[in-house]
Amino acid sequence: MTEHSDHTGHTGHPSPFSGQDVQREVTELEQKSATAARIFDLRRIIGGLFVLYGIIVTITGITDSQAAIDKAQGVNINLWTGIGMLLLGIFFLAWLWLRPTPVPVPSEGAQGD
């Protein structure tokens, strides 16, 4: 004899999970997904790296000798590049702060029917 498949499961037996259990799991996964999206936002990574390297290059530019500046035709290229990197990194971090990653809104299909 063949068993008919319906909404209770593949074999007609009741599912071991209730609708509330499934909804709770979905909610937990959505929260974890939103947290991961905020942590791994590219603006945070790019901004943080540009600020870090900008600080290093700016310090190098401040401590450059006159001989190093003369090599760059009188321009303290490390200082100017470091300042530019700092400004770009601050821009990315400000952008992240002013326009944070939106929290995903649960779809109507995921809620109870």
Protein backbone atom coordinates (compact mmCIF):
# COMPACT_ATOMS: atom_id res chain seq x y z
CA MET A 1 0.00 0.00 0.00
CA THR A 2 1.16 3.46 -0.74
CA GLU A 3 0.79 6.27 1.72
CA HIS A 4 -0.38 9.63 0.49
CA SER A 5 1.72 12.74 1.09
CA ASP A 6 -0.02 15.78 2.58
CA HIS A 7 0.78 18.81 4.70
CA THR A 8 1.60 16.70 7.76
CA GLY A 9 4.74 15.19 6.23
CA HIS A 10 5.90 12.95 3.43
CA THR A 11 4.33 9.78 4.80
CA GLY A 12 1.14 11.10 6.34
CA HIS A 13 2.53 11.01 9.89
CA PRO A 14 2.36 14.20 11.94
CA SER A 15 5.49 16.37 11.91
CA PRO A 16 7.55 16.32 15.15
CA PHE A 17 7.88 20.12 14.96
CA SER A 18 5.03 22.49 15.66
CA GLY A 19 4.48 25.69 13.74
CA GLN A 20 5.70 27.66 16.75
CA ASP A 21 8.99 25.72 16.80
CA VAL A 22 9.56 26.40 13.12
CA GLN A 23 8.69 30.10 13.52
CA ARG A 24 11.07 30.41 16.48
CA GLU A 25 13.88 28.81 14.45
CA VAL A 26 13.19 31.13 11.52
CA THR A 27 13.26 34.18 13.83
CA GLU A 28 16.56 33.07 15.39
CA LEU A 29 18.14 32.53 11.96
CA GLU A 30 16.94 35.95 10.76
CA GLN A 31 18.51 37.59 13.83
CA LYS A 32 21.81 35.77 13.26
CA SER A 33 21.73 36.76 9.59
CA ALA A 34 21.15 40.43 10.44
CA THR A 35 24.03 40.35 12.95
CA ALA A 36 26.36 38.75 10.39
CA ALA A 37 25.35 41.35 7.79
CA ARG A 38 26.25 44.17 10.17
CA ILE A 39 29.55 42.60 11.24
CA PHE A 40 30.72 41.84 7.70
CA ASP A 41 29.51 45.09 6.11
CA LEU A 42 32.22 46.02 3.58
CA ARG A 43 32.10 49.65 4.67
CA ARG A 44 33.30 48.62 8.14
CA ILE A 45 36.13 46.49 6.77
CA ILE A 46 37.28 48.99 4.12
CA GLY A 47 36.95 51.97 6.47
CA GLY A 48 38.82 50.23 9.26
CA LEU A 49 41.69 49.19 7.01
CA PHE A 50 42.02 52.63 5.43
CA VAL A 51 42.08 54.29 8.86
CA LEU A 52 44.67 51.81 10.15
CA TYR A 53 46.97 52.13 7.13
CA GLY A 54 46.33 55.87 6.98
CA ILE A 55 47.63 56.26 10.53
CA ILE A 56 50.73 54.21 9.71
CA VAL A 57 51.49 56.13 6.49
CA THR A 58 50.79 59.51 8.13
CA ILE A 59 53.22 58.72 10.95
CA THR A 60 55.77 57.66 8.34
CA GLY A 61 55.22 60.97 6.52
CA ILE A 62 55.67 62.99 9.69
CA THR A 63 58.96 61.23 10.47
CA ASP A 64 60.32 61.26 6.88
CA SER A 65 63.80 62.69 6.40
CA GLN A 66 64.50 65.55 4.01
CA ALA A 67 66.27 63.10 1.69
CA ALA A 68 63.07 61.04 1.34
CA ILE A 69 61.07 64.20 0.61
CA ASP A 70 63.64 65.30 -1.97
CA LYS A 71 63.25 61.94 -3.76
CA ALA A 72 59.58 62.84 -4.33
CA GLN A 73 60.51 66.25 -5.85
CA GLY A 74 59.91 68.10 -2.59
CA VAL A 75 56.47 66.65 -1.85
CA ASN A 76 55.98 64.74 1.38
CA ILE A 77 54.08 62.01 -0.44
CA ASN A 78 53.73 59.75 2.62
CA LEU A 79 52.10 62.51 4.64
CA TRP A 80 49.62 63.46 1.91
CA THR A 81 48.81 59.84 1.06
CA GLY A 82 48.30 59.01 4.74
CA ILE A 83 45.97 61.97 5.22
CA GLY A 84 44.01 60.94 2.12
CA MET A 85 43.72 57.38 3.39
CA LEU A 86 42.56 58.61 6.79
CA LEU A 87 39.89 60.81 5.21
CA LEU A 88 38.65 57.98 3.00
CA GLY A 89 38.51 55.57 5.95
CA ILE A 90 36.63 58.11 8.06
CA PHE A 91 34.21 58.64 5.16
CA PHE A 92 33.42 54.91 4.99
CA LEU A 93 32.95 54.65 8.77
CA ALA A 94 30.76 57.78 8.85
CA TRP A 95 28.69 56.36 6.00
CA LEU A 96 28.24 53.16 7.99
CA TRP A 97 27.22 55.12 11.09
CA LEU A 98 24.83 57.45 9.26
CA ARG A 99 23.22 54.74 7.09
CA PRO A 100 23.49 51.43 8.95
CA THR A 101 22.60 48.13 7.33
CA PRO A 102 18.80 47.82 7.51
CA VAL A 103 17.39 44.97 9.53
CA PRO A 104 15.62 42.57 7.17
CA VAL A 105 11.85 42.61 7.58
CA PRO A 106 10.36 39.11 7.78
CA SER A 107 8.32 38.28 4.72
CA GLU A 108 4.60 37.70 5.08
CA GLY A 109 5.00 34.12 3.85
CA ALA A 110 7.31 33.29 6.78
CA GLN A 111 4.69 34.29 9.35
CA GLY A 112 1.93 31.97 10.47
CA ASP A 113 -0.81 31.30 7.91
